[in-house]
Amino acid sequence: MKCNIGKTDKIIRVILGACIIAVGVYYQSWWGAVGVIPLLTAAIGWCPAYVPFGISSCQTKK
């Protein structure tokens, strides 16, 4: 697994994941568990949805 998530993308995913979890807890819904997905992808630095499209937000070294 090659890193395909950059720093800004990771920050956005962490914030989004935390918000989804918070809304799920607030409304007492198990849908808040979906927030774990962006947190997990940010933690490992790899998004499987980016692979088929060849997307990468990592900076390339010159």
PDB file of N, CA and C in Angstrom:
ATOM      1  N   MET A   1       0.843  -1.174   0.000  1.00  0.00           N
ATOM      2  CA  MET A   1       0.000   0.000   0.000  1.00  0.00           C
ATOM      3  C   MET A   1       0.894   1.246   0.000  1.00  0.00           C
ATOM      4  N   LYS A   2       0.793   1.985  -1.048  1.00  0.00           N
ATOM      5  CA  LYS A   2       1.543   3.225  -1.173  1.00  0.00           C
ATOM      6  C   LYS A   2       0.665   4.377  -0.696  1.00  0.00           C
ATOM      7  N   CYS A   3       1.254   5.302   0.023  1.00  0.00           N
ATOM      8  CA  CYS A   3       0.508   6.445   0.552  1.00  0.00           C
ATOM      9  C   CYS A   3      -0.139   7.220  -0.597  1.00  0.00           C
ATOM     10  N   ASN A   4      -1.449   7.488  -0.472  1.00  0.00           N
ATOM     11  CA  ASN A   4      -2.125   8.297  -1.486  1.00  0.00           C
ATOM     12  C   ASN A   4      -2.978   9.399  -0.847  1.00  0.00           C
ATOM     13  N   ILE A   5      -2.744   9.663   0.448  1.00  0.00           N
ATOM     14  CA  ILE A   5      -3.464  10.718   1.151  1.00  0.00           C
ATOM     15  C   ILE A   5      -2.450  11.706   1.710  1.00  0.00           C
ATOM     16  N   GLY A   6      -2.573  12.960   1.302  1.00  0.00           N
ATOM     17  CA  GLY A   6      -1.666  14.007   1.753  1.00  0.00           C
ATOM     18  C   GLY A   6      -2.079  14.584   3.101  1.00  0.00           C
ATOM     19  N   LYS A   7      -1.284  15.536   3.578  1.00  0.00           N
ATOM     20  CA  LYS A   7      -1.482  16.126   4.900  1.00  0.00           C
ATOM     21  C   LYS A   7      -2.836  16.830   5.020  1.00  0.00           C
ATOM     22  N   THR A   8      -3.176  17.678   4.052  1.00  0.00           N
ATOM     23  CA  THR A   8      -4.451  18.406   4.093  1.00  0.00           C
ATOM     24  C   THR A   8      -5.622  17.440   4.028  1.00  0.00           C
ATOM     25  N   ASP A   9      -5.516  16.435   3.185  1.00  0.00           N
ATOM     26  CA  ASP A   9      -6.561  15.422   3.048  1.00  0.00           C
ATOM     27  C   ASP A   9      -6.762  14.687   4.377  1.00  0.00           C
ATOM     28  N   LYS A  10      -5.671  14.371   5.076  1.00  0.00           N
ATOM     29  CA  LYS A  10      -5.760  13.694   6.366  1.00  0.00           C
ATOM     30  C   LYS A  10      -6.487  14.552   7.388  1.00  0.00           C
ATOM     31  N   ILE A  11      -6.149  15.840   7.433  1.00  0.00           N
ATOM     32  CA  ILE A  11      -6.787  16.751   8.387  1.00  0.00           C
ATOM     33  C   ILE A  11      -8.290  16.825   8.126  1.00  0.00           C
ATOM     34  N   ILE A  12      -8.663  16.951   6.856  1.00  0.00           N
ATOM     35  CA  ILE A  12     -10.085  17.015   6.498  1.00  0.00           C
ATOM     36  C   ILE A  12     -10.796  15.729   6.900  1.00  0.00           C
ATOM     37  N   ARG A  13     -10.168  14.595   6.669  1.00  0.00           N
ATOM     38  CA  ARG A  13     -10.782  13.308   7.008  1.00  0.00           C
ATOM     39  C   ARG A  13     -10.964  13.145   8.514  1.00  0.00           C
ATOM     40  N   VAL A  14      -9.986  13.599   9.300  1.00  0.00           N
ATOM     41  CA  VAL A  14     -10.096  13.498  10.756  1.00  0.00           C
ATOM     42  C   VAL A  14     -11.246  14.367  11.260  1.00  0.00           C
ATOM     43  N   ILE A  15     -11.327  15.600  10.763  1.00  0.00           N
ATOM     44  CA  ILE A  15     -12.405  16.505  11.178  1.00  0.00           C
ATOM     45  C   ILE A  15     -13.762  15.947  10.760  1.00  0.00           C
ATOM     46  N   LEU A  16     -13.873  15.501   9.521  1.00  0.00           N
ATOM     47  CA  LEU A  16     -15.125  14.941   9.013  1.00  0.00           C
ATOM     48  C   LEU A  16     -15.537  13.698   9.798  1.00  0.00           C
ATOM     49  N   GLY A  17     -14.591  12.812  10.040  1.00  0.00           N
ATOM     50  CA  GLY A  17     -14.883  11.594  10.794  1.00  0.00           C
ATOM     51  C   GLY A  17     -15.352  11.894  12.207  1.00  0.00           C
ATOM     52  N   ALA A  18     -14.681  12.845  12.872  1.00  0.00           N
ATOM     53  CA  ALA A  18     -15.072  13.218  14.236  1.00  0.00           C
ATOM     54  C   ALA A  18     -16.472  13.835  14.252  1.00  0.00           C
ATOM     55  N   CYS A  19     -16.780  14.652  13.251  1.00  0.00           N
ATOM     56  CA  CYS A  19     -18.110  15.267  13.166  1.00  0.00           C
ATOM     57  C   CYS A  19     -19.199  14.218  12.942  1.00  0.00           C
ATOM     58  N   ILE A  20     -18.938  13.270  12.076  1.00  0.00           N
ATOM     59  CA  ILE A  20     -19.921  12.211  11.812  1.00  0.00           C
ATOM     60  C   ILE A  20     -20.170  11.391  13.072  1.00  0.00           C
ATOM     61  N   ILE A  21     -19.115  11.058  13.793  1.00  0.00           N
ATOM     62  CA  ILE A  21     -19.264  10.304  15.037  1.00  0.00           C
ATOM     63  C   ILE A  21     -20.040  11.120  16.063  1.00  0.00           C
ATOM     64  N   ALA A  22     -19.717  12.407  16.187  1.00  0.00           N
ATOM     65  CA  ALA A  22     -20.406  13.271  17.153  1.00  0.00           C
ATOM     66  C   ALA A  22     -21.895  13.377  16.844  1.00  0.00           C
ATOM     67  N   VAL A  23     -22.247  13.517  15.574  1.00  0.00           N
ATOM     68  CA  VAL A  23     -23.660  13.593  15.187  1.00  0.00           C
ATOM     69  C   VAL A  23     -24.359  12.268  15.482  1.00  0.00           C
ATOM     70  N   GLY A  24     -23.675  11.164  15.225  1.00  0.00           N
ATOM     71  CA  GLY A  24     -24.251   9.854  15.527  1.00  0.00           C
ATOM     72  C   GLY A  24     -24.501   9.662  17.015  1.00  0.00           C
ATOM     73  N   VAL A  25     -23.557  10.123  17.832  1.00  0.00           N
ATOM     74  CA  VAL A  25     -23.732  10.023  19.286  1.00  0.00           C
ATOM     75  C   VAL A  25     -24.863  10.937  19.739  1.00  0.00           C
ATOM     76  N   TYR A  26     -24.908  12.145  19.201  1.00  0.00           N
ATOM     77  CA  TYR A  26     -25.940  13.110  19.591  1.00  0.00           C
ATOM     78  C   TYR A  26     -27.349  12.579  19.295  1.00  0.00           C
ATOM     79  N   TYR A  27     -27.511  12.008  18.105  1.00  0.00           N
ATOM     80  CA  TYR A  27     -28.819  11.472  17.713  1.00  0.00           C
ATOM     81  C   TYR A  27     -29.011  10.012  18.132  1.00  0.00           C
ATOM     82  N   GLN A  28     -28.061   9.464  18.860  1.00  0.00           N
ATOM     83  CA  GLN A  28     -28.093   8.082  19.329  1.00  0.00           C
ATOM     84  C   GLN A  28     -28.377   7.117  18.183  1.00  0.00           C
ATOM     85  N   SER A  29     -27.602   7.277  17.121  1.00  0.00           N
ATOM     86  CA  SER A  29     -27.759   6.448  15.933  1.00  0.00           C
ATOM     87  C   SER A  29     -26.462   5.680  15.667  1.00  0.00           C
ATOM     88  N   TRP A  30     -26.597   4.465  15.220  1.00  0.00           N
ATOM     89  CA  TRP A  30     -25.418   3.674  14.897  1.00  0.00           C
ATOM     90  C   TRP A  30     -24.742   4.163  13.614  1.00  0.00           C
ATOM     91  N   TRP A  31     -25.393   5.053  12.875  1.00  0.00           N
ATOM     92  CA  TRP A  31     -24.799   5.607  11.666  1.00  0.00           C
ATOM     93  C   TRP A  31     -23.546   6.415  11.979  1.00  0.00           C
ATOM     94  N   GLY A  32     -23.377   6.819  13.212  1.00  0.00           N
ATOM     95  CA  GLY A  32     -22.157   7.510  13.623  1.00  0.00           C
ATOM     96  C   GLY A  32     -20.925   6.642  13.452  1.00  0.00           C
ATOM     97  N   ALA A  33     -21.124   5.339  13.419  1.00  0.00           N
ATOM     98  CA  ALA A  33     -20.006   4.415  13.221  1.00  0.00           C
ATOM     99  C   ALA A  33     -19.359   4.591  11.843  1.00  0.00           C
ATOM    100  N   VAL A  34     -20.085   5.170  10.902  1.00  0.00           N
ATOM    101  CA  VAL A  34     -19.539   5.424   9.565  1.00  0.00           C
ATOM    102  C   VAL A  34     -18.349   6.397   9.662  1.00  0.00           C
ATOM    103  N   GLY A  35     -18.323   7.217  10.698  1.00  0.00           N
ATOM    104  CA  GLY A  35     -17.232   8.171  10.898  1.00  0.00           C
ATOM    105  C   GLY A  35     -15.888   7.508  11.135  1.00  0.00           C
ATOM    106  N   VAL A  36     -15.900   6.232  11.458  1.00  0.00           N
ATOM    107  CA  VAL A  36     -14.653   5.501  11.673  1.00  0.00           C
ATOM    108  C   VAL A  36     -13.891   5.335  10.353  1.00  0.00           C
ATOM    109  N   ILE A  37     -14.601   5.280   9.239  1.00  0.00           N
ATOM    110  CA  ILE A  37     -13.961   5.054   7.939  1.00  0.00           C
ATOM    111  C   ILE A  37     -12.997   6.185   7.583  1.00  0.00           C
ATOM    112  N   PRO A  38     -13.418   7.466   7.612  1.00  0.00           N
ATOM    113  CA  PRO A  38     -12.434   8.510   7.313  1.00  0.00           C
ATOM    114  C   PRO A  38     -11.302   8.579   8.339  1.00  0.00           C
ATOM    115  N   LEU A  39     -11.601   8.272   9.604  1.00  0.00           N
ATOM    116  CA  LEU A  39     -10.541   8.265  10.613  1.00  0.00           C
ATOM    117  C   LEU A  39      -9.516   7.171  10.322  1.00  0.00           C
ATOM    118  N   LEU A  40      -9.989   6.005   9.940  1.00  0.00           N
ATOM    119  CA  LEU A  40      -9.100   4.884   9.641  1.00  0.00           C
ATOM    120  C   LEU A  40      -8.239   5.166   8.408  1.00  0.00           C
ATOM    121  N   THR A  41      -8.851   5.681   7.357  1.00  0.00           N
ATOM    122  CA  THR A  41      -8.072   5.976   6.148  1.00  0.00           C
ATOM    123  C   THR A  41      -7.053   7.081   6.399  1.00  0.00           C
ATOM    124  N   ALA A  42      -7.391   8.046   7.254  1.00  0.00           N
ATOM    125  CA  ALA A  42      -6.423   9.095   7.601  1.00  0.00           C
ATOM    126  C   ALA A  42      -5.273   8.515   8.414  1.00  0.00           C
ATOM    127  N   ALA A  43      -5.579   7.584   9.303  1.00  0.00           N
ATOM    128  CA  ALA A  43      -4.551   6.993  10.154  1.00  0.00           C
ATOM    129  C   ALA A  43      -3.545   6.160   9.362  1.00  0.00           C
ATOM    130  N   ILE A  44      -4.028   5.410   8.368  1.00  0.00           N
ATOM    131  CA  ILE A  44      -3.107   4.562   7.604  1.00  0.00           C
ATOM    132  C   ILE A  44      -2.537   5.278   6.380  1.00  0.00           C
ATOM    133  N   GLY A  45      -3.134   6.410   5.994  1.00  0.00           N
ATOM    134  CA  GLY A  45      -2.605   7.195   4.877  1.00  0.00           C
ATOM    135  C   GLY A  45      -2.905   6.622   3.506  1.00  0.00           C
ATOM    136  N   TRP A  46      -3.885   5.752   3.425  1.00  0.00           N
ATOM    137  CA  TRP A  46      -4.213   5.104   2.149  1.00  0.00           C
ATOM    138  C   TRP A  46      -5.715   4.989   2.015  1.00  0.00           C
ATOM    139  N   CYS A  47      -6.246   5.388   0.867  1.00  0.00           N
ATOM    140  CA  CYS A  47      -7.684   5.322   0.606  1.00  0.00           C
ATOM    141  C   CYS A  47      -7.932   4.372  -0.564  1.00  0.00           C
ATOM    142  N   PRO A  48      -8.666   3.282  -0.326  1.00  0.00           N
ATOM    143  CA  PRO A  48      -8.922   2.336  -1.405  1.00  0.00           C
ATOM    144  C   PRO A  48      -9.787   2.914  -2.527  1.00  0.00           C
ATOM    145  N   ALA A  49     -10.581   3.930  -2.248  1.00  0.00           N
ATOM    146  CA  ALA A  49     -11.424   4.541  -3.284  1.00  0.00           C
ATOM    147  C   ALA A  49     -10.588   5.358  -4.273  1.00  0.00           C
ATOM    148  N   TYR A  50      -9.411   5.795  -3.882  1.00  0.00           N
ATOM    149  CA  TYR A  50      -8.548   6.574  -4.768  1.00  0.00           C
ATOM    150  C   TYR A  50      -7.831   5.688  -5.800  1.00  0.00           C
ATOM    151  N   VAL A  51      -7.625   4.428  -5.478  1.00  0.00           N
ATOM    152  CA  VAL A  51      -6.822   3.531  -6.326  1.00  0.00           C
ATOM    153  C   VAL A  51      -7.378   3.366  -7.742  1.00  0.00           C
ATOM    154  N   PRO A  52      -8.662   3.044  -7.942  1.00  0.00           N
ATOM    155  CA  PRO A  52      -9.151   2.827  -9.310  1.00  0.00           C
ATOM    156  C   PRO A  52      -9.065   4.073 -10.194  1.00  0.00           C
ATOM    157  N   PHE A  53      -9.097   5.248  -9.569  1.00  0.00           N
ATOM    158  CA  PHE A  53      -9.057   6.499 -10.328  1.00  0.00           C
ATOM    159  C   PHE A  53      -7.652   7.071 -10.441  1.00  0.00           C
ATOM    160  N   GLY A  54      -6.688   6.459  -9.786  1.00  0.00           N
ATOM    161  CA  GLY A  54      -5.309   6.933  -9.837  1.00  0.00           C
ATOM    162  C   GLY A  54      -5.112   8.264  -9.132  1.00  0.00           C
ATOM    163  N   ILE A  55      -5.934   8.553  -8.132  1.00  0.00           N
ATOM    164  CA  ILE A  55      -5.855   9.820  -7.412  1.00  0.00           C
ATOM    165  C   ILE A  55      -4.851   9.700  -6.273  1.00  0.00           C
ATOM    166  N   SER A  56      -4.093  10.760  -6.060  1.00  0.00           N
ATOM    167  CA  SER A  56      -3.185  10.827  -4.929  1.00  0.00           C
ATOM    168  C   SER A  56      -3.041  12.291  -4.524  1.00  0.00           C
ATOM    169  N   SER A  57      -3.239  12.567  -3.240  1.00  0.00           N
ATOM    170  CA  SER A  57      -3.071  13.929  -2.759  1.00  0.00           C
ATOM    171  C   SER A  57      -1.721  14.097  -2.046  1.00  0.00           C
ATOM    172  N   CYS A  58      -0.875  13.096  -2.107  1.00  0.00           N
ATOM    173  CA  CYS A  58       0.467  13.199  -1.546  1.00  0.00           C
ATOM    174  C   CYS A  58       1.331  14.092  -2.424  1.00  0.00           C
ATOM    175  N   GLN A  59       2.209  14.828  -1.773  1.00  0.00           N
ATOM    176  CA  GLN A  59       3.138  15.662  -2.534  1.00  0.00           C
ATOM    177  C   GLN A  59       4.226  14.774  -3.132  1.00  0.00           C
ATOM    178  N   THR A  60       4.611  15.078  -4.351  1.00  0.00           N
ATOM    179  CA  THR A  60       5.674  14.335  -4.995  1.00  0.00           C
ATOM    180  C   THR A  60       6.994  15.025  -4.722  1.00  0.00           C
ATOM    181  N   LYS A  61       8.026  14.228  -4.473  1.00  0.00           N
ATOM    182  CA  LYS A  61       9.358  14.791  -4.223  1.00  0.00           C
ATOM    183  C   LYS A  61      10.025  15.080  -5.552  1.00  0.00           C
ATOM    184  N   LYS A  62      10.621  16.254  -5.658  1.00  0.00           N
ATOM    185  CA  LYS A  62      11.264  16.642  -6.921  1.00  0.00           C
ATOM    186  C   LYS A  62      12.743  16.481  -6.846  1.00  0.00           C
TER     187      LYS A  62
END
